[in-house]
Structures are given as C-alpha cells and as structure tokens.
Amino acid sequence: MTTREGKVRPSRAAAIALCAMLVCWMPARGQEVPGYPTSVEAYDAREVALLPPYCIHTQLFRDKVPGGNDREKIDRWKSVMGSTFEAMHHYCWGLMKTHRGLILARGEQTRRFYLADSISEFDYVIQHAPEDFVLLPEILTKKGENLIRLGRGPTGILELERAASLKPDYWPPYAYISDYYKAAGDLQKAREALQRGLTAVPDAPALKRRMAELDAVKSQRKPTH
C-alpha cells in the first residue's frame, strides 16, 4: 500500500509477520532466575554441583567447567556409554533446567518454562540413543516426571511405562506411576504399579514405603462397626 507521501506502507499481514519474527529473536520469557545467569550454558558452579559426575566431561561442559577436559575421564565415560556419550550434554542441560524449574524458580511461569524446556533436551538424547543404552530408562523417567508436572499425565505415563519395560528392575518408574494414580484418586492403579515394581524389585524401600501408605489409606476407609 502507498501513502499520500508516496511511501510504501507494509500490509497488515506483513506487519504481523514482522512482529512474529521479532518475538522469535527476543529472549524467552520466564528465563530469569534471581541470582543466576540467564542461561544454563553459563555453567554456574552451584548448578553444576547438582549434576552427575560425568556431566562435566561431556561436550561443551568439558571446555567450560574446571576439570572437565580430563582426557582419561572422558575416555572412561565414553567406554561406559558408547557413542551416545557425545549427546549427553543435552541430558545434563535437561537436568539443570529441571533443577531450575523445581528449586530456583520463583513463579509458576518460570517453573513451567524450564520444565517444558527440559523435555527437548531429554528428547535429543532419547532420539540418539539405542534401546540398550544404559541410561535410557533414567532419561525416560525424568522426562515422564516432568510431563506429569506440566499437566501432561497420560503422555508422562507412557514414558514411565517404556522406562519400566526397558529395565524392569529399575524402581523409579513404578514409584512415579503409582504417585500419579494416587494423586488422581485411582488407588487400584496406584497399587497395581507398586505390585509390578515389587515383583521386579522386592527390596526397593521407596516402593515398600508407598505400598505401606496405600495400605494405611485402605485400612482407614474400612467401615467400623
């Protein structure tokens, strides 16, 4: 469209597209955590200290975190995790974002931002890992937990069930499946998840404790005469 002065005025559609482009380049809202860098890639020592020991030896971490560029330790972790180790910095970022969402966030928007952002980090490793990757059940479990925290329970349960199927003697998925159904008021499904877990891992304290809690709830509901 041309104005009286002969200048070209952008159409409404073009203006909207331009605004959308500018928004994409703006810093994502909800990233601010008081007292911490905007990005987890600043590798704040307080956040790094919460990670598993192998994280400082993964890609990008190793060049920024003191002690990370230790070739002997890098090679040792590679021998344990195989080629997937080259993608594990994404899992470590996902853990940092989870910690921000659960521990450092001061508001619901910030909490949800970091929990949602962690999912893409977990997915990167899941997509690059073989089915027999030693940490795949753990990563699926972390993803499932965060999906449930974001209100995406059914999808989270699918991830937890996959984790349990890959490693039946890994107890956390059963615990979190049970917690989800207990919170939803479905005590029967909560109990079934624990029974499956205890069949695979009979001595898991976390599962035994949850089963005792369900038993206590059941006994309280019995009618008294």
C-alpha atoms as a PDB file:
ATOM      1  CA  MET A   1       0.000   0.000   0.000  1.00  0.00           C
ATOM      2  CA  THR A   2       1.281   3.504  -0.932  1.00  0.00           C
ATOM      3  CA  THR A   3       0.620   6.538   1.290  1.00  0.00           C
ATOM      4  CA  ARG A   4      -0.101  10.101   0.054  1.00  0.00           C
ATOM      5  CA  GLU A   5       3.571  10.906   0.586  1.00  0.00           C
ATOM      6  CA  GLY A   6       4.493   8.123  -1.813  1.00  0.00           C
ATOM      7  CA  LYS A   7       5.948   5.873   0.869  1.00  0.00           C
ATOM      8  CA  VAL A   8       5.199   2.189   0.879  1.00  0.00           C
ATOM      9  CA  ARG A   9       3.263   1.103   3.958  1.00  0.00           C
ATOM     10  CA  PRO A  10       3.546  -2.592   4.839  1.00  0.00           C
ATOM     11  CA  SER A  11       0.362  -4.603   4.698  1.00  0.00           C
ATOM     12  CA  ARG A  12      -1.246  -5.785   7.922  1.00  0.00           C
ATOM     13  CA  ALA A  13      -0.170  -9.361   7.191  1.00  0.00           C
ATOM     14  CA  ALA A  14       3.426  -8.280   6.611  1.00  0.00           C
ATOM     15  CA  ALA A  15       3.390  -6.256   9.835  1.00  0.00           C
ATOM     16  CA  ILE A  16       2.150  -9.270  11.796  1.00  0.00           C
ATOM     17  CA  ALA A  17       4.841 -11.471  10.232  1.00  0.00           C
ATOM     18  CA  LEU A  18       7.500  -8.932  11.154  1.00  0.00           C
ATOM     19  CA  CYS A  19       6.291  -8.788  14.734  1.00  0.00           C
ATOM     20  CA  ALA A  20       6.342 -12.567  14.939  1.00  0.00           C
ATOM     21  CA  MET A  21       9.918 -12.596  13.645  1.00  0.00           C
ATOM     22  CA  LEU A  22      10.986 -10.046  16.228  1.00  0.00           C
ATOM     23  CA  VAL A  23       9.352 -12.041  19.013  1.00  0.00           C
ATOM     24  CA  CYS A  24      11.312 -15.108  17.931  1.00  0.00           C
ATOM     25  CA  TRP A  25      14.536 -13.171  18.396  1.00  0.00           C
ATOM     26  CA  MET A  26      13.567 -11.795  21.798  1.00  0.00           C
ATOM     27  CA  PRO A  27      14.794 -13.619  24.934  1.00  0.00           C
ATOM     28  CA  ALA A  28      12.258 -16.220  26.011  1.00  0.00           C
ATOM     29  CA  ARG A  29      10.078 -15.064  28.871  1.00  0.00           C
ATOM     30  CA  GLY A  30      10.379 -16.866  32.159  1.00  0.00           C
ATOM     31  CA  GLN A  31      14.102 -17.489  31.962  1.00  0.00           C
ATOM     32  CA  GLU A  32      15.100 -15.076  34.688  1.00  0.00           C
ATOM     33  CA  VAL A  33      16.145 -16.741  37.928  1.00  0.00           C
ATOM     34  CA  PRO A  34      17.268 -14.239  40.581  1.00  0.00           C
ATOM     35  CA  GLY A  35      20.954 -14.535  41.385  1.00  0.00           C
ATOM     36  CA  TYR A  36      21.741 -16.891  38.486  1.00  0.00           C
ATOM     37  CA  PRO A  37      22.828 -16.436  34.859  1.00  0.00           C
ATOM     38  CA  THR A  38      20.070 -16.262  32.261  1.00  0.00           C
ATOM     39  CA  SER A  39      21.294 -19.412  30.507  1.00  0.00           C
ATOM     40  CA  VAL A  40      22.299 -22.764  31.949  1.00  0.00           C
ATOM     41  CA  GLU A  41      25.166 -22.644  29.449  1.00  0.00           C
ATOM     42  CA  ALA A  42      26.923 -20.204  31.747  1.00  0.00           C
ATOM     43  CA  TYR A  43      27.718 -23.360  33.786  1.00  0.00           C
ATOM     44  CA  ASP A  44      27.235 -21.734  37.168  1.00  0.00           C
ATOM     45  CA  ALA A  45      29.237 -23.735  39.709  1.00  0.00           C
ATOM     46  CA  ARG A  46      26.231 -24.045  42.038  1.00  0.00           C
ATOM     47  CA  GLU A  47      24.170 -25.675  39.306  1.00  0.00           C
ATOM     48  CA  VAL A  48      26.962 -27.877  38.016  1.00  0.00           C
ATOM     49  CA  ALA A  49      27.480 -29.216  41.548  1.00  0.00           C
ATOM     50  CA  LEU A  50      23.991 -30.782  41.417  1.00  0.00           C
ATOM     51  CA  LEU A  51      24.765 -32.843  38.310  1.00  0.00           C
ATOM     52  CA  PRO A  52      26.069 -36.417  37.966  1.00  0.00           C
ATOM     53  CA  PRO A  53      29.898 -36.519  37.897  1.00  0.00           C
ATOM     54  CA  TYR A  54      30.111 -37.421  34.209  1.00  0.00           C
ATOM     55  CA  CYS A  55      28.389 -34.198  33.119  1.00  0.00           C
ATOM     56  CA  ILE A  56      31.491 -32.017  33.345  1.00  0.00           C
ATOM     57  CA  HIS A  57      33.227 -34.342  30.873  1.00  0.00           C
ATOM     58  CA  THR A  58      30.503 -34.165  28.211  1.00  0.00           C
ATOM     59  CA  GLN A  59      30.686 -31.978  25.122  1.00  0.00           C
ATOM     60  CA  LEU A  60      30.723 -28.200  25.760  1.00  0.00           C
ATOM     61  CA  PHE A  61      30.800 -28.731  29.535  1.00  0.00           C
ATOM     62  CA  ARG A  62      34.363 -30.005  29.332  1.00  0.00           C
ATOM     63  CA  ASP A  63      35.600 -26.749  27.791  1.00  0.00           C
ATOM     64  CA  LYS A  64      33.862 -24.516  30.339  1.00  0.00           C
ATOM     65  CA  VAL A  65      33.933 -26.357  33.656  1.00  0.00           C
ATOM     66  CA  PRO A  66      37.202 -26.708  35.591  1.00  0.00           C
ATOM     67  CA  GLY A  67      38.467 -30.286  35.491  1.00  0.00           C
ATOM     68  CA  GLY A  68      36.151 -31.264  32.666  1.00  0.00           C
ATOM     69  CA  ASN A  69      38.744 -31.599  29.946  1.00  0.00           C
ATOM     70  CA  ASP A  70      40.397 -34.619  31.522  1.00  0.00           C
ATOM     71  CA  ARG A  71      41.061 -36.954  28.602  1.00  0.00           C
ATOM     72  CA  GLU A  72      41.354 -40.073  30.753  1.00  0.00           C
ATOM     73  CA  LYS A  73      37.960 -39.497  32.370  1.00  0.00           C
ATOM     74  CA  ILE A  74      36.359 -38.533  29.060  1.00  0.00           C
ATOM     75  CA  ASP A  75      37.565 -41.785  27.524  1.00  0.00           C
ATOM     76  CA  ARG A  76      36.374 -43.773  30.528  1.00  0.00           C
ATOM     77  CA  TRP A  77      32.856 -42.370  30.303  1.00  0.00           C
ATOM     78  CA  LYS A  78      32.844 -42.984  26.556  1.00  0.00           C
ATOM     79  CA  SER A  79      33.739 -46.604  27.168  1.00  0.00           C
ATOM     80  CA  VAL A  80      30.773 -46.910  29.539  1.00  0.00           C
ATOM     81  CA  MET A  81      28.165 -45.052  27.461  1.00  0.00           C
ATOM     82  CA  GLY A  82      29.410 -45.607  23.936  1.00  0.00           C
ATOM     83  CA  SER A  83      28.779 -43.098  21.180  1.00  0.00           C
ATOM     84  CA  THR A  84      25.702 -41.733  22.982  1.00  0.00           C
ATOM     85  CA  PHE A  85      28.061 -40.005  25.391  1.00  0.00           C
ATOM     86  CA  GLU A  86      28.540 -37.373  22.681  1.00  0.00           C
ATOM     87  CA  ALA A  87      24.884 -36.368  23.138  1.00  0.00           C
ATOM     88  CA  MET A  88      24.784 -36.480  26.928  1.00  0.00           C
ATOM     89  CA  HIS A  89      25.423 -32.763  27.409  1.00  0.00           C
ATOM     90  CA  HIS A  90      21.780 -32.351  26.412  1.00  0.00           C
ATOM     91  CA  TYR A  91      20.710 -34.606  29.268  1.00  0.00           C
ATOM     92  CA  CYS A  92      22.851 -32.573  31.656  1.00  0.00           C
ATOM     93  CA  TRP A  93      21.252 -29.364  30.390  1.00  0.00           C
ATOM     94  CA  GLY A  94      17.870 -31.018  30.884  1.00  0.00           C
ATOM     95  CA  LEU A  95      18.751 -31.787  34.485  1.00  0.00           C
ATOM     96  CA  MET A  96      19.885 -28.195  35.043  1.00  0.00           C
ATOM     97  CA  LYS A  97      16.618 -26.896  33.627  1.00  0.00           C
ATOM     98  CA  THR A  98      14.686 -29.336  35.791  1.00  0.00           C
ATOM     99  CA  HIS A  99      16.537 -28.077  38.866  1.00  0.00           C
ATOM    100  CA  ARG A 100      15.746 -24.503  37.861  1.00  0.00           C
ATOM    101  CA  GLY A 101      12.081 -25.363  37.488  1.00  0.00           C
ATOM    102  CA  LEU A 102      11.815 -27.254  40.765  1.00  0.00           C
ATOM    103  CA  ILE A 103      14.297 -25.450  43.006  1.00  0.00           C
ATOM    104  CA  LEU A 104      15.199 -21.994  41.697  1.00  0.00           C
ATOM    105  CA  ALA A 105      12.028 -20.771  40.000  1.00  0.00           C
ATOM    106  CA  ARG A 106      10.151 -18.085  41.907  1.00  0.00           C
ATOM    107  CA  GLY A 107       6.948 -18.177  39.896  1.00  0.00           C
ATOM    108  CA  GLU A 108       4.715 -20.592  38.026  1.00  0.00           C
ATOM    109  CA  GLN A 109       5.596 -19.175  34.613  1.00  0.00           C
ATOM    110  CA  THR A 110       9.316 -19.644  35.215  1.00  0.00           C
ATOM    111  CA  ARG A 111       8.755 -23.110  36.679  1.00  0.00           C
ATOM    112  CA  ARG A 112       6.774 -24.252  33.640  1.00  0.00           C
ATOM    113  CA  PHE A 113       9.207 -22.653  31.215  1.00  0.00           C
ATOM    114  CA  TYR A 114      12.178 -24.620  32.490  1.00  0.00           C
ATOM    115  CA  LEU A 115      10.307 -27.899  32.925  1.00  0.00           C
ATOM    116  CA  ALA A 116       8.998 -27.638  29.359  1.00  0.00           C
ATOM    117  CA  ASP A 117      12.429 -26.664  28.050  1.00  0.00           C
ATOM    118  CA  SER A 118      13.952 -29.731  29.684  1.00  0.00           C
ATOM    119  CA  ILE A 119      11.775 -32.025  27.563  1.00  0.00           C
ATOM    120  CA  SER A 120      13.528 -31.084  24.309  1.00  0.00           C
ATOM    121  CA  GLU A 121      16.906 -31.778  25.917  1.00  0.00           C
ATOM    122  CA  PHE A 122      15.808 -35.215  27.080  1.00  0.00           C
ATOM    123  CA  ASP A 123      14.288 -35.911  23.674  1.00  0.00           C
ATOM    124  CA  TYR A 124      17.556 -35.163  21.917  1.00  0.00           C
ATOM    125  CA  VAL A 125      19.316 -37.952  23.797  1.00  0.00           C
ATOM    126  CA  ILE A 126      16.356 -40.326  23.535  1.00  0.00           C
ATOM    127  CA  GLN A 127      16.347 -39.889  19.764  1.00  0.00           C
ATOM    128  CA  HIS A 128      20.091 -40.564  19.515  1.00  0.00           C
ATOM    129  CA  ALA A 129      20.299 -43.475  21.963  1.00  0.00           C
ATOM    130  CA  PRO A 130      19.918 -47.171  21.155  1.00  0.00           C
ATOM    131  CA  GLU A 131      17.309 -49.163  23.051  1.00  0.00           C
ATOM    132  CA  ASP A 132      20.001 -50.784  25.172  1.00  0.00           C
ATOM    133  CA  PHE A 133      21.646 -47.518  26.232  1.00  0.00           C
ATOM    134  CA  VAL A 134      22.400 -47.871  29.927  1.00  0.00           C
ATOM    135  CA  LEU A 135      20.853 -44.529  30.952  1.00  0.00           C
ATOM    136  CA  LEU A 136      17.820 -44.581  28.655  1.00  0.00           C
ATOM    137  CA  PRO A 137      15.399 -45.765  31.398  1.00  0.00           C
ATOM    138  CA  GLU A 138      16.606 -42.956  33.665  1.00  0.00           C
ATOM    139  CA  ILE A 139      16.206 -40.315  30.954  1.00  0.00           C
ATOM    140  CA  LEU A 140      12.725 -41.560  30.056  1.00  0.00           C
ATOM    141  CA  THR A 141      11.804 -41.423  33.727  1.00  0.00           C
ATOM    142  CA  LYS A 142      12.985 -37.827  34.090  1.00  0.00           C
ATOM    143  CA  LYS A 143      11.008 -36.885  31.010  1.00  0.00           C
ATOM    144  CA  GLY A 144       7.909 -38.671  32.299  1.00  0.00           C
ATOM    145  CA  GLU A 145       8.132 -36.924  35.675  1.00  0.00           C
ATOM    146  CA  ASN A 146       8.343 -33.503  34.074  1.00  0.00           C
ATOM    147  CA  LEU A 147       5.475 -34.194  31.702  1.00  0.00           C
ATOM    148  CA  ILE A 148       3.318 -35.077  34.705  1.00  0.00           C
ATOM    149  CA  ARG A 149       4.429 -31.882  36.459  1.00  0.00           C
ATOM    150  CA  LEU A 150       3.346 -29.959  33.369  1.00  0.00           C
ATOM    151  CA  GLY A 151      -0.118 -31.499  33.490  1.00  0.00           C
ATOM    152  CA  ARG A 152       0.518 -33.950  30.659  1.00  0.00           C
ATOM    153  CA  GLY A 153      -0.045 -37.031  32.764  1.00  0.00           C
ATOM    154  CA  PRO A 154      -1.109 -39.621  30.154  1.00  0.00           C
ATOM    155  CA  THR A 155       1.912 -38.814  27.984  1.00  0.00           C
ATOM    156  CA  GLY A 156       4.177 -38.908  31.016  1.00  0.00           C
ATOM    157  CA  ILE A 157       2.833 -42.320  31.995  1.00  0.00           C
ATOM    158  CA  LEU A 158       3.730 -43.664  28.541  1.00  0.00           C
ATOM    159  CA  GLU A 159       7.334 -42.593  29.043  1.00  0.00           C
ATOM    160  CA  LEU A 160       7.451 -44.144  32.510  1.00  0.00           C
ATOM    161  CA  GLU A 161       5.976 -47.391  31.213  1.00  0.00           C
ATOM    162  CA  ARG A 162       8.595 -47.501  28.479  1.00  0.00           C
ATOM    163  CA  ALA A 163      11.318 -46.992  31.069  1.00  0.00           C
ATOM    164  CA  ALA A 164       9.944 -49.860  33.158  1.00  0.00           C
ATOM    165  CA  SER A 165       9.739 -52.152  30.148  1.00  0.00           C
ATOM    166  CA  LEU A 166      13.355 -51.433  29.163  1.00  0.00           C
ATOM    167  CA  LYS A 167      14.674 -52.147  32.653  1.00  0.00           C
ATOM    168  CA  PRO A 168      12.108 -53.966  34.807  1.00  0.00           C
ATOM    169  CA  ASP A 169      14.345 -53.906  37.900  1.00  0.00           C
ATOM    170  CA  TYR A 170      14.655 -50.092  37.841  1.00  0.00           C
ATOM    171  CA  TRP A 171      12.234 -48.995  40.562  1.00  0.00           C
ATOM    172  CA  PRO A 172      11.646 -45.220  39.985  1.00  0.00           C
ATOM    173  CA  PRO A 173       9.138 -45.539  37.100  1.00  0.00           C
ATOM    174  CA  TYR A 174       6.837 -47.731  39.195  1.00  0.00           C
ATOM    175  CA  ALA A 175       7.001 -45.245  42.052  1.00  0.00           C
ATOM    176  CA  TYR A 176       6.078 -42.259  39.899  1.00  0.00           C
ATOM    177  CA  ILE A 177       3.331 -44.143  38.073  1.00  0.00           C
ATOM    178  CA  SER A 178       1.867 -45.032  41.452  1.00  0.00           C
ATOM    179  CA  ASP A 179       2.188 -41.450  42.694  1.00  0.00           C
ATOM    180  CA  TYR A 180       0.337 -40.185  39.626  1.00  0.00           C
ATOM    181  CA  TYR A 181      -2.598 -42.541  40.062  1.00  0.00           C
ATOM    182  CA  LYS A 182      -2.724 -41.977  43.808  1.00  0.00           C
ATOM    183  CA  ALA A 183      -2.927 -38.204  43.257  1.00  0.00           C
ATOM    184  CA  ALA A 184      -5.699 -38.825  40.712  1.00  0.00           C
ATOM    185  CA  GLY A 185      -7.600 -40.870  43.294  1.00  0.00           C
ATOM    186  CA  ASP A 186      -7.212 -44.192  41.487  1.00  0.00           C
ATOM    187  CA  LEU A 187      -5.753 -46.233  44.322  1.00  0.00           C
ATOM    188  CA  GLN A 188      -6.259 -49.519  42.484  1.00  0.00           C
ATOM    189  CA  LYS A 189      -3.981 -48.489  39.621  1.00  0.00           C
ATOM    190  CA  ALA A 190      -1.545 -46.995  42.115  1.00  0.00           C
ATOM    191  CA  ARG A 191      -1.373 -50.343  43.888  1.00  0.00           C
ATOM    192  CA  GLU A 192      -1.008 -52.295  40.649  1.00  0.00           C
ATOM    193  CA  ALA A 193       2.015 -50.210  39.677  1.00  0.00           C
ATOM    194  CA  LEU A 194       3.643 -50.882  43.022  1.00  0.00           C
ATOM    195  CA  GLN A 195       2.884 -54.584  42.818  1.00  0.00           C
ATOM    196  CA  ARG A 196       4.585 -54.776  39.431  1.00  0.00           C
ATOM    197  CA  GLY A 197       7.567 -52.927  40.803  1.00  0.00           C
ATOM    198  CA  LEU A 198       7.863 -55.060  43.914  1.00  0.00           C
ATOM    199  CA  THR A 199       7.676 -58.197  41.810  1.00  0.00           C
ATOM    200  CA  ALA A 200      10.720 -56.974  39.881  1.00  0.00           C
ATOM    201  CA  VAL A 201      12.497 -55.279  42.799  1.00  0.00           C
ATOM    202  CA  PRO A 202      11.201 -56.846  46.040  1.00  0.00           C
ATOM    203  CA  ASP A 203      13.516 -54.933  48.356  1.00  0.00           C
ATOM    204  CA  ALA A 204      13.058 -51.419  46.956  1.00  0.00           C
ATOM    205  CA  PRO A 205      12.452 -49.240  50.062  1.00  0.00           C
ATOM    206  CA  ALA A 206      10.660 -46.494  48.106  1.00  0.00           C
ATOM    207  CA  LEU A 207       8.135 -48.977  46.707  1.00  0.00           C
ATOM    208  CA  LYS A 208       7.606 -50.725  50.047  1.00  0.00           C
ATOM    209  CA  ARG A 209       7.015 -47.370  51.752  1.00  0.00           C
ATOM    210  CA  ARG A 210       4.448 -46.344  49.149  1.00  0.00           C
ATOM    211  CA  MET A 211       2.667 -49.689  49.461  1.00  0.00           C
ATOM    212  CA  ALA A 212       2.503 -49.263  53.248  1.00  0.00           C
ATOM    213  CA  GLU A 213       0.988 -45.818  52.746  1.00  0.00           C
ATOM    214  CA  LEU A 214      -1.648 -47.239  50.418  1.00  0.00           C
ATOM    215  CA  ASP A 215      -2.412 -49.977  52.936  1.00  0.00           C
ATOM    216  CA  ALA A 216      -2.864 -47.328  55.607  1.00  0.00           C
ATOM    217  CA  VAL A 217      -5.300 -45.409  53.417  1.00  0.00           C
ATOM    218  CA  LYS A 218      -7.214 -48.605  52.688  1.00  0.00           C
ATOM    219  CA  SER A 219      -7.498 -49.501  56.363  1.00  0.00           C
ATOM    220  CA  GLN A 220      -8.767 -46.016  57.179  1.00  0.00           C
ATOM    221  CA  ARG A 221     -11.531 -46.422  54.621  1.00  0.00           C
ATOM    222  CA  LYS A 222     -12.819 -49.690  56.123  1.00  0.00           C
ATOM    223  CA  PRO A 223     -16.224 -49.227  57.743  1.00  0.00           C
ATOM    224  CA  THR A 224     -16.243 -49.518  61.507  1.00  0.00           C
ATOM    225  CA  HIS A 225     -18.950 -51.439  63.348  1.00  0.00           C
END
